[in-house]
Amino acid sequence: MKPGQDPHEIAANLSQKPHRILVSIRTRGGTAKTSEITTDTDLDSSLVNYHYKRLMEASLIDRIDEDQDDPMPREGFTYQITDRGKNVLSAAQEDYGMDPLGGRIVRQRLDDLEARTEKLEQENNQLREEKTELENQVNELEGRLDDMRDANSKLWESVQNMK
């Protein structure tokens, strides 16, 4: 990312994590504290701080705390997305059709569906095994019933012969 680089070029080379940071700031009205961004993106604050530097070097965000020499506030410094940052997000939206937070939601839904499908397949396999076991038991009982009918017929014949 270079300051004079075209927004579409930056968008093409922008990795998912800095993109998620930009989306988080834009979604929060254009400014956000580090703690809010880490919550939105599920990224560690040290990783977010690493990406801040690159995003500021490319003029995509600015730190807007009043006294930048103060020690770090409890919730972290406040950052604002620049017009250039908004242009990069727009270019990414045009070029790729989805922001990373939206992509993460879609990925989570797909993962949830996959997990549910796997669980249903396991339940289906278990039910098939139970069905097979019950069919075996039914066959065994039918065999016993046939044996009992045969024995009953022989007994009846024996009784008839005794008369």
N, C-alpha and C. Protein backbone atom coordinates (compact mmCIF):
# COMPACT_ATOMS: atom_id res chain seq x y z
N MET A 1 0.85 -1.18 0.00
CA MET A 1 0.00 0.00 0.00
C MET A 1 0.89 1.23 0.00
N LYS A 2 0.66 2.05 -0.99
CA LYS A 2 1.42 3.28 -1.10
C LYS A 2 0.45 4.45 -1.13
N PRO A 3 0.85 5.61 -0.60
CA PRO A 3 -0.05 6.75 -0.54
C PRO A 3 -0.64 7.17 -1.89
N GLY A 4 0.10 7.10 -2.98
CA GLY A 4 -0.42 7.55 -4.27
C GLY A 4 -1.06 6.46 -5.10
N GLN A 5 -1.15 5.26 -4.55
CA GLN A 5 -1.64 4.10 -5.29
C GLN A 5 -3.16 4.21 -5.51
N ASP A 6 -3.62 3.73 -6.68
CA ASP A 6 -5.04 3.72 -7.03
C ASP A 6 -5.82 2.86 -6.03
N PRO A 7 -7.03 3.31 -5.60
CA PRO A 7 -7.81 2.54 -4.63
C PRO A 7 -8.09 1.10 -5.08
N HIS A 8 -8.30 0.87 -6.40
CA HIS A 8 -8.55 -0.49 -6.88
C HIS A 8 -7.29 -1.36 -6.73
N GLU A 9 -6.12 -0.76 -6.92
CA GLU A 9 -4.87 -1.50 -6.73
C GLU A 9 -4.69 -1.86 -5.26
N ILE A 10 -4.97 -0.90 -4.39
CA ILE A 10 -4.86 -1.17 -2.94
C ILE A 10 -5.86 -2.26 -2.56
N ALA A 11 -7.09 -2.14 -3.06
CA ALA A 11 -8.13 -3.14 -2.74
C ALA A 11 -7.71 -4.53 -3.20
N ALA A 12 -7.07 -4.60 -4.37
CA ALA A 12 -6.64 -5.89 -4.90
C ALA A 12 -5.56 -6.53 -4.04
N ASN A 13 -4.74 -5.71 -3.40
CA ASN A 13 -3.63 -6.22 -2.59
C ASN A 13 -3.92 -6.20 -1.09
N LEU A 14 -5.06 -5.67 -0.72
CA LEU A 14 -5.41 -5.54 0.69
C LEU A 14 -5.79 -6.91 1.25
N SER A 15 -5.08 -7.34 2.27
CA SER A 15 -5.41 -8.63 2.87
C SER A 15 -6.69 -8.49 3.70
N GLN A 16 -7.21 -9.63 4.11
CA GLN A 16 -8.49 -9.65 4.80
C GLN A 16 -8.48 -8.89 6.13
N LYS A 17 -7.41 -9.01 6.89
CA LYS A 17 -7.40 -8.40 8.23
C LYS A 17 -7.45 -6.87 8.17
N PRO A 18 -6.60 -6.21 7.35
CA PRO A 18 -6.74 -4.75 7.27
C PRO A 18 -8.09 -4.34 6.69
N HIS A 19 -8.59 -5.14 5.78
CA HIS A 19 -9.90 -4.85 5.20
C HIS A 19 -10.98 -4.90 6.28
N ARG A 20 -10.92 -5.92 7.13
CA ARG A 20 -11.88 -6.04 8.24
C ARG A 20 -11.78 -4.85 9.19
N ILE A 21 -10.56 -4.37 9.41
CA ILE A 21 -10.37 -3.20 10.29
C ILE A 21 -11.05 -1.99 9.67
N LEU A 22 -10.84 -1.76 8.38
CA LEU A 22 -11.47 -0.63 7.70
C LEU A 22 -12.99 -0.73 7.75
N VAL A 23 -13.51 -1.91 7.50
CA VAL A 23 -14.96 -2.11 7.53
C VAL A 23 -15.50 -1.83 8.93
N SER A 24 -14.79 -2.29 9.94
CA SER A 24 -15.22 -2.06 11.32
C SER A 24 -15.31 -0.57 11.63
N ILE A 25 -14.28 0.17 11.24
CA ILE A 25 -14.28 1.62 11.51
C ILE A 25 -15.43 2.28 10.75
N ARG A 26 -15.59 1.92 9.47
CA ARG A 26 -16.67 2.53 8.67
C ARG A 26 -18.03 2.18 9.24
N THR A 27 -18.21 0.93 9.68
CA THR A 27 -19.48 0.48 10.22
C THR A 27 -19.84 1.23 11.51
N ARG A 28 -18.86 1.63 12.25
CA ARG A 28 -19.09 2.35 13.51
C ARG A 28 -19.21 3.86 13.28
N GLY A 29 -19.51 4.27 12.07
CA GLY A 29 -19.74 5.68 11.80
C GLY A 29 -18.49 6.43 11.37
N GLY A 30 -17.42 5.72 11.10
CA GLY A 30 -16.21 6.36 10.61
C GLY A 30 -15.11 6.51 11.64
N THR A 31 -15.43 6.33 12.93
CA THR A 31 -14.41 6.37 13.98
C THR A 31 -14.65 5.21 14.93
N ALA A 32 -13.55 4.70 15.48
CA ALA A 32 -13.67 3.59 16.43
C ALA A 32 -12.41 3.49 17.27
N LYS A 33 -12.60 3.01 18.48
CA LYS A 33 -11.48 2.74 19.38
C LYS A 33 -10.96 1.33 19.10
N THR A 34 -9.72 1.12 19.49
CA THR A 34 -9.10 -0.19 19.26
C THR A 34 -9.93 -1.32 19.88
N SER A 35 -10.45 -1.11 21.08
CA SER A 35 -11.23 -2.16 21.74
C SER A 35 -12.47 -2.52 20.92
N GLU A 36 -13.09 -1.53 20.28
CA GLU A 36 -14.27 -1.81 19.46
C GLU A 36 -13.87 -2.61 18.21
N ILE A 37 -12.73 -2.25 17.64
CA ILE A 37 -12.28 -2.92 16.43
C ILE A 37 -11.90 -4.37 16.73
N THR A 38 -11.23 -4.60 17.85
CA THR A 38 -10.87 -5.98 18.20
C THR A 38 -12.13 -6.81 18.44
N THR A 39 -13.16 -6.21 19.02
CA THR A 39 -14.42 -6.91 19.23
C THR A 39 -15.08 -7.25 17.89
N ASP A 40 -15.13 -6.27 16.99
CA ASP A 40 -15.78 -6.47 15.69
C ASP A 40 -15.07 -7.50 14.82
N THR A 41 -13.75 -7.51 14.88
CA THR A 41 -12.97 -8.31 13.93
C THR A 41 -12.45 -9.62 14.51
N ASP A 42 -12.56 -9.79 15.83
CA ASP A 42 -11.99 -10.97 16.51
C ASP A 42 -10.48 -11.07 16.30
N LEU A 43 -9.83 -9.93 16.17
CA LEU A 43 -8.38 -9.90 16.03
C LEU A 43 -7.76 -9.42 17.33
N ASP A 44 -6.58 -9.91 17.66
CA ASP A 44 -5.85 -9.49 18.84
C ASP A 44 -5.41 -8.03 18.67
N SER A 45 -5.38 -7.29 19.76
CA SER A 45 -5.04 -5.86 19.68
C SER A 45 -3.63 -5.64 19.13
N SER A 46 -2.69 -6.53 19.41
CA SER A 46 -1.34 -6.35 18.87
C SER A 46 -1.34 -6.49 17.35
N LEU A 47 -2.16 -7.39 16.83
CA LEU A 47 -2.27 -7.55 15.38
C LEU A 47 -2.97 -6.34 14.76
N VAL A 48 -4.00 -5.85 15.43
CA VAL A 48 -4.69 -4.64 14.95
C VAL A 48 -3.71 -3.46 14.93
N ASN A 49 -2.93 -3.30 15.98
CA ASN A 49 -1.95 -2.21 16.02
C ASN A 49 -0.91 -2.34 14.90
N TYR A 50 -0.51 -3.56 14.60
CA TYR A 50 0.43 -3.80 13.51
C TYR A 50 -0.15 -3.28 12.18
N HIS A 51 -1.42 -3.59 11.95
CA HIS A 51 -2.05 -3.17 10.70
C HIS A 51 -2.36 -1.67 10.68
N TYR A 52 -2.60 -1.06 11.85
CA TYR A 52 -2.83 0.39 11.90
C TYR A 52 -1.69 1.13 11.22
N LYS A 53 -0.48 0.73 11.54
CA LYS A 53 0.70 1.43 11.01
C LYS A 53 0.66 1.44 9.48
N ARG A 54 0.41 0.31 8.88
CA ARG A 54 0.36 0.22 7.41
C ARG A 54 -0.82 0.99 6.84
N LEU A 55 -1.95 0.93 7.52
CA LEU A 55 -3.13 1.66 7.06
C LEU A 55 -2.91 3.17 7.15
N MET A 56 -2.21 3.61 8.19
CA MET A 56 -1.92 5.05 8.31
C MET A 56 -0.88 5.47 7.28
N GLU A 57 0.12 4.63 7.01
CA GLU A 57 1.12 4.95 6.00
C GLU A 57 0.49 5.11 4.61
N ALA A 58 -0.56 4.36 4.35
CA ALA A 58 -1.25 4.44 3.06
C ALA A 58 -2.35 5.50 3.07
N SER A 59 -2.47 6.24 4.18
CA SER A 59 -3.48 7.30 4.34
C SER A 59 -4.91 6.76 4.26
N LEU A 60 -5.11 5.56 4.79
CA LEU A 60 -6.45 4.99 4.80
C LEU A 60 -7.18 5.26 6.12
N ILE A 61 -6.40 5.46 7.19
CA ILE A 61 -6.96 5.83 8.49
C ILE A 61 -6.06 6.88 9.13
N ASP A 62 -6.63 7.60 10.09
CA ASP A 62 -5.87 8.56 10.90
C ASP A 62 -6.19 8.31 12.35
N ARG A 63 -5.19 8.52 13.21
CA ARG A 63 -5.43 8.48 14.65
C ARG A 63 -5.90 9.86 15.04
N ILE A 64 -7.02 9.95 15.76
CA ILE A 64 -7.61 11.27 16.01
C ILE A 64 -7.66 11.65 17.49
N ASP A 65 -6.93 10.95 18.32
CA ASP A 65 -6.90 11.33 19.74
C ASP A 65 -6.33 12.73 19.86
N GLU A 66 -6.86 13.51 20.82
CA GLU A 66 -6.44 14.90 20.97
C GLU A 66 -4.96 15.04 21.26
N ASP A 67 -4.50 14.33 22.27
CA ASP A 67 -3.07 14.42 22.62
C ASP A 67 -2.43 13.07 22.31
N GLN A 68 -1.74 13.01 21.18
CA GLN A 68 -1.18 11.75 20.73
C GLN A 68 0.06 11.34 21.54
N ASP A 69 0.51 12.17 22.46
CA ASP A 69 1.64 11.82 23.30
C ASP A 69 1.20 11.20 24.62
N ASP A 70 -0.11 11.23 24.90
CA ASP A 70 -0.63 10.63 26.13
C ASP A 70 -0.41 9.12 26.10
N PRO A 71 -0.28 8.52 27.29
CA PRO A 71 -0.22 7.05 27.32
C PRO A 71 -1.53 6.48 26.76
N MET A 72 -1.47 5.24 26.37
CA MET A 72 -2.62 4.61 25.73
C MET A 72 -3.82 4.58 26.66
N PRO A 73 -4.98 5.07 26.18
CA PRO A 73 -6.20 4.99 26.97
C PRO A 73 -6.61 3.52 27.17
N ARG A 74 -7.42 3.30 28.16
CA ARG A 74 -7.84 1.94 28.50
C ARG A 74 -8.49 1.22 27.32
N GLU A 75 -9.32 1.90 26.56
CA GLU A 75 -10.01 1.28 25.42
C GLU A 75 -9.21 1.41 24.13
N GLY A 76 -8.01 1.94 24.21
CA GLY A 76 -7.18 2.09 23.03
C GLY A 76 -7.41 3.45 22.38
N PHE A 77 -6.56 3.75 21.42
CA PHE A 77 -6.67 5.01 20.71
C PHE A 77 -7.86 4.97 19.77
N THR A 78 -8.25 6.16 19.31
CA THR A 78 -9.37 6.28 18.39
C THR A 78 -8.84 6.54 16.99
N TYR A 79 -9.41 5.81 16.03
CA TYR A 79 -8.99 5.92 14.64
C TYR A 79 -10.19 6.29 13.78
N GLN A 80 -9.88 7.03 12.71
CA GLN A 80 -10.92 7.47 11.80
C GLN A 80 -10.55 7.03 10.38
N ILE A 81 -11.53 6.55 9.65
CA ILE A 81 -11.29 6.18 8.26
C ILE A 81 -11.24 7.45 7.43
N THR A 82 -10.32 7.52 6.52
CA THR A 82 -10.19 8.69 5.65
C THR A 82 -11.05 8.50 4.40
N ASP A 83 -11.19 9.60 3.63
CA ASP A 83 -11.92 9.48 2.36
C ASP A 83 -11.24 8.45 1.47
N ARG A 84 -9.93 8.44 1.51
CA ARG A 84 -9.17 7.47 0.71
C ARG A 84 -9.49 6.04 1.17
N GLY A 85 -9.59 5.84 2.47
CA GLY A 85 -9.96 4.52 3.00
C GLY A 85 -11.35 4.12 2.55
N LYS A 86 -12.28 5.08 2.54
CA LYS A 86 -13.63 4.79 2.05
C LYS A 86 -13.60 4.41 0.58
N ASN A 87 -12.76 5.10 -0.19
CA ASN A 87 -12.64 4.78 -1.62
C ASN A 87 -12.09 3.36 -1.83
N VAL A 88 -11.13 2.98 -1.00
CA VAL A 88 -10.57 1.63 -1.11
C VAL A 88 -11.65 0.59 -0.78
N LEU A 89 -12.44 0.84 0.26
CA LEU A 89 -13.52 -0.10 0.59
C LEU A 89 -14.55 -0.17 -0.53
N SER A 90 -14.87 0.97 -1.12
CA SER A 90 -15.81 0.97 -2.25
C SER A 90 -15.24 0.18 -3.42
N ALA A 91 -13.95 0.36 -3.69
CA ALA A 91 -13.30 -0.37 -4.78
C ALA A 91 -13.31 -1.87 -4.50
N ALA A 92 -13.06 -2.24 -3.25
CA ALA A 92 -13.08 -3.66 -2.88
C ALA A 92 -14.49 -4.22 -3.04
N GLN A 93 -15.48 -3.45 -2.65
CA GLN A 93 -16.87 -3.89 -2.80
C GLN A 93 -17.21 -4.09 -4.27
N GLU A 94 -16.80 -3.15 -5.12
CA GLU A 94 -17.05 -3.26 -6.56
C GLU A 94 -16.32 -4.46 -7.15
N ASP A 95 -15.06 -4.62 -6.79
CA ASP A 95 -14.23 -5.66 -7.39
C ASP A 95 -14.56 -7.06 -6.88
N TYR A 96 -14.90 -7.16 -5.59
CA TYR A 96 -15.07 -8.49 -4.99
C TYR A 96 -16.47 -8.77 -4.49
N GLY A 97 -17.30 -7.76 -4.40
CA GLY A 97 -18.70 -7.96 -4.08
C GLY A 97 -19.04 -8.28 -2.65
N MET A 98 -18.06 -8.34 -1.76
CA MET A 98 -18.39 -8.67 -0.38
C MET A 98 -17.31 -8.15 0.55
N ASP A 99 -17.76 -7.60 1.66
CA ASP A 99 -16.78 -7.16 2.65
C ASP A 99 -16.41 -8.34 3.55
N PRO A 100 -15.29 -8.27 4.25
CA PRO A 100 -14.85 -9.42 5.06
C PRO A 100 -15.79 -9.78 6.19
N LEU A 101 -16.46 -8.77 6.78
CA LEU A 101 -17.39 -9.10 7.87
C LEU A 101 -18.57 -9.88 7.31
N GLY A 102 -19.06 -9.48 6.13
CA GLY A 102 -20.12 -10.22 5.48
C GLY A 102 -19.65 -11.61 5.09
N GLY A 103 -18.43 -11.69 4.59
CA GLY A 103 -17.86 -12.98 4.22
C GLY A 103 -17.72 -13.89 5.43
N ARG A 104 -17.34 -13.31 6.55
CA ARG A 104 -17.20 -14.10 7.77
C ARG A 104 -18.55 -14.64 8.22
N ILE A 105 -19.60 -13.82 8.08
CA ILE A 105 -20.95 -14.27 8.46
C ILE A 105 -21.37 -15.42 7.56
N VAL A 106 -21.14 -15.27 6.25
CA VAL A 106 -21.49 -16.34 5.31
C VAL A 106 -20.69 -17.60 5.63
N ARG A 107 -19.38 -17.45 5.88
CA ARG A 107 -18.54 -18.59 6.22
C ARG A 107 -19.04 -19.28 7.49
N GLN A 108 -19.44 -18.48 8.50
CA GLN A 108 -19.95 -19.04 9.75
C GLN A 108 -21.23 -19.82 9.50
N ARG A 109 -22.11 -19.26 8.67
CA ARG A 109 -23.36 -19.96 8.36
C ARG A 109 -23.08 -21.27 7.65
N LEU A 110 -22.14 -21.24 6.70
CA LEU A 110 -21.78 -22.48 6.00
C LEU A 110 -21.18 -23.50 6.96
N ASP A 111 -20.33 -23.03 7.88
CA ASP A 111 -19.75 -23.94 8.87
C ASP A 111 -20.84 -24.54 9.77
N ASP A 112 -21.82 -23.69 10.17
CA ASP A 112 -22.92 -24.18 10.98
C ASP A 112 -23.74 -25.24 10.23
N LEU A 113 -24.02 -24.96 8.95
CA LEU A 113 -24.77 -25.92 8.14
C LEU A 113 -23.99 -27.22 7.98
N GLU A 114 -22.69 -27.09 7.78
CA GLU A 114 -21.86 -28.29 7.64
C GLU A 114 -21.88 -29.12 8.92
N ALA A 115 -21.80 -28.44 10.06
CA ALA A 115 -21.83 -29.15 11.35
C ALA A 115 -23.19 -29.83 11.55
N ARG A 116 -24.27 -29.12 11.22
CA ARG A 116 -25.59 -29.71 11.35
C ARG A 116 -25.76 -30.90 10.42
N THR A 117 -25.26 -30.78 9.19
CA THR A 117 -25.34 -31.88 8.22
C THR A 117 -24.58 -33.09 8.73
N GLU A 118 -23.39 -32.87 9.27
CA GLU A 118 -22.59 -33.96 9.82
C GLU A 118 -23.32 -34.64 10.97
N LYS A 119 -23.93 -33.84 11.84
CA LYS A 119 -24.68 -34.41 12.97
C LYS A 119 -25.86 -35.24 12.47
N LEU A 120 -26.57 -34.72 11.46
CA LEU A 120 -27.70 -35.47 10.91
C LEU A 120 -27.25 -36.77 10.24
N GLU A 121 -26.10 -36.73 9.57
CA GLU A 121 -25.56 -37.95 8.95
C GLU A 121 -25.21 -38.98 10.02
N GLN A 122 -24.63 -38.53 11.13
CA GLN A 122 -24.31 -39.44 12.22
C GLN A 122 -25.58 -40.05 12.81
N GLU A 123 -26.59 -39.21 13.01
CA GLU A 123 -27.86 -39.71 13.54
C GLU A 123 -28.50 -40.70 12.56
N ASN A 124 -28.42 -40.39 11.27
CA ASN A 124 -28.97 -41.28 10.25
C ASN A 124 -28.25 -42.63 10.26
N ASN A 125 -26.92 -42.61 10.36
CA ASN A 125 -26.16 -43.86 10.44
C ASN A 125 -26.53 -44.66 11.67
N GLN A 126 -26.71 -43.98 12.79
CA GLN A 126 -27.09 -44.65 14.03
C GLN A 126 -28.47 -45.29 13.88
N LEU A 127 -29.41 -44.55 13.25
CA LEU A 127 -30.75 -45.10 13.04
C LEU A 127 -30.72 -46.31 12.10
N ARG A 128 -29.86 -46.26 11.08
CA ARG A 128 -29.72 -47.40 10.18
C ARG A 128 -29.21 -48.63 10.93
N GLU A 129 -28.22 -48.42 11.81
CA GLU A 129 -27.69 -49.53 12.60
C GLU A 129 -28.78 -50.10 13.51
N GLU A 130 -29.56 -49.23 14.13
CA GLU A 130 -30.64 -49.69 15.00
C GLU A 130 -31.69 -50.44 14.20
N LYS A 131 -32.00 -49.96 12.99
CA LYS A 131 -32.97 -50.63 12.12
C LYS A 131 -32.48 -52.03 11.75
N THR A 132 -31.20 -52.12 11.39
CA THR A 132 -30.63 -53.41 11.03
C THR A 132 -30.70 -54.38 12.22
N GLU A 133 -30.37 -53.87 13.40
CA GLU A 133 -30.43 -54.71 14.61
C GLU A 133 -31.86 -55.17 14.88
N LEU A 134 -32.83 -54.27 14.72
CA LEU A 134 -34.23 -54.65 14.94
C LEU A 134 -34.69 -55.67 13.89
N GLU A 135 -34.26 -55.49 12.63
CA GLU A 135 -34.62 -56.46 11.59
C GLU A 135 -34.04 -57.84 11.93
N ASN A 136 -32.82 -57.87 12.43
CA ASN A 136 -32.21 -59.14 12.84
C ASN A 136 -33.00 -59.79 13.98
N GLN A 137 -33.43 -58.97 14.94
CA GLN A 137 -34.22 -59.50 16.05
C GLN A 137 -35.56 -60.04 15.56
N VAL A 138 -36.19 -59.31 14.62
CA VAL A 138 -37.48 -59.77 14.07
C VAL A 138 -37.27 -61.10 13.35
N ASN A 139 -36.20 -61.19 12.54
CA ASN A 139 -35.93 -62.44 11.83
C ASN A 139 -35.70 -63.60 12.80
N GLU A 140 -34.97 -63.33 13.88
CA GLU A 140 -34.72 -64.36 14.90
C GLU A 140 -36.03 -64.80 15.56
N LEU A 141 -36.89 -63.82 15.87
CA LEU A 141 -38.18 -64.16 16.50
C LEU A 141 -39.08 -64.93 15.53
N GLU A 142 -39.06 -64.55 14.26
CA GLU A 142 -39.86 -65.28 13.26
C GLU A 142 -39.35 -66.72 13.14
N GLY A 143 -38.02 -66.89 13.20
CA GLY A 143 -37.44 -68.24 13.17
C GLY A 143 -37.88 -69.05 14.36
N ARG A 144 -37.87 -68.45 15.55
CA ARG A 144 -38.31 -69.15 16.75
C ARG A 144 -39.79 -69.52 16.66
N LEU A 145 -40.58 -68.58 16.11
CA LEU A 145 -42.01 -68.83 15.96
C LEU A 145 -42.25 -70.01 15.01
N ASP A 146 -41.50 -70.04 13.91
CA ASP A 146 -41.61 -71.17 12.97
C ASP A 146 -41.23 -72.48 13.67
N ASP A 147 -40.15 -72.46 14.46
CA ASP A 147 -39.73 -73.65 15.20
C ASP A 147 -40.82 -74.09 16.17
N MET A 148 -41.44 -73.10 16.85
CA MET A 148 -42.50 -73.43 17.81
C MET A 148 -43.71 -73.99 17.08
N ARG A 149 -44.04 -73.50 15.92
CA ARG A 149 -45.17 -74.02 15.14
C ARG A 149 -44.88 -75.46 14.70
N ASP A 150 -43.63 -75.69 14.24
CA ASP A 150 -43.24 -77.05 13.85
C ASP A 150 -43.35 -78.00 15.05
N ALA A 151 -42.82 -77.55 16.19
CA ALA A 151 -42.87 -78.38 17.40
C ALA A 151 -44.31 -78.63 17.81
N ASN A 152 -45.14 -77.61 17.70
CA ASN A 152 -46.55 -77.74 18.06
C ASN A 152 -47.25 -78.73 17.12
N SER A 153 -46.92 -78.64 15.81
CA SER A 153 -47.52 -79.58 14.84
C SER A 153 -47.10 -81.01 15.16
N LYS A 154 -45.83 -81.23 15.48
CA LYS A 154 -45.34 -82.58 15.81
C LYS A 154 -46.00 -83.09 17.08
N LEU A 155 -46.13 -82.18 18.05
CA LEU A 155 -46.79 -82.57 19.29
C LEU A 155 -48.25 -82.94 19.02
N TRP A 156 -48.92 -82.20 18.20
CA TRP A 156 -50.31 -82.48 17.86
C TRP A 156 -50.44 -83.82 17.15
N GLU A 157 -49.51 -84.10 16.25
CA GLU A 157 -49.50 -85.38 15.55
C GLU A 157 -49.28 -86.54 16.53
N SER A 158 -48.33 -86.31 17.47
CA SER A 158 -48.05 -87.34 18.47
C SER A 158 -49.28 -87.60 19.33
N VAL A 159 -49.95 -86.57 19.70
CA VAL A 159 -51.16 -86.72 20.52
C VAL A 159 -52.23 -87.46 19.72
N GLN A 160 -52.35 -87.13 18.46
CA GLN A 160 -53.34 -87.79 17.61
C GLN A 160 -53.02 -89.26 17.41
N ASN A 161 -51.74 -89.57 17.32
CA ASN A 161 -51.32 -90.97 17.13
C ASN A 161 -51.57 -91.79 18.40
N MET A 162 -51.51 -91.18 19.53
CA MET A 162 -51.74 -91.88 20.80
C MET A 162 -53.19 -92.24 20.98
N LYS A 163 -54.03 -91.57 20.36
CA LYS A 163 -55.46 -91.82 20.56
C LYS A 163 -55.84 -93.04 19.90
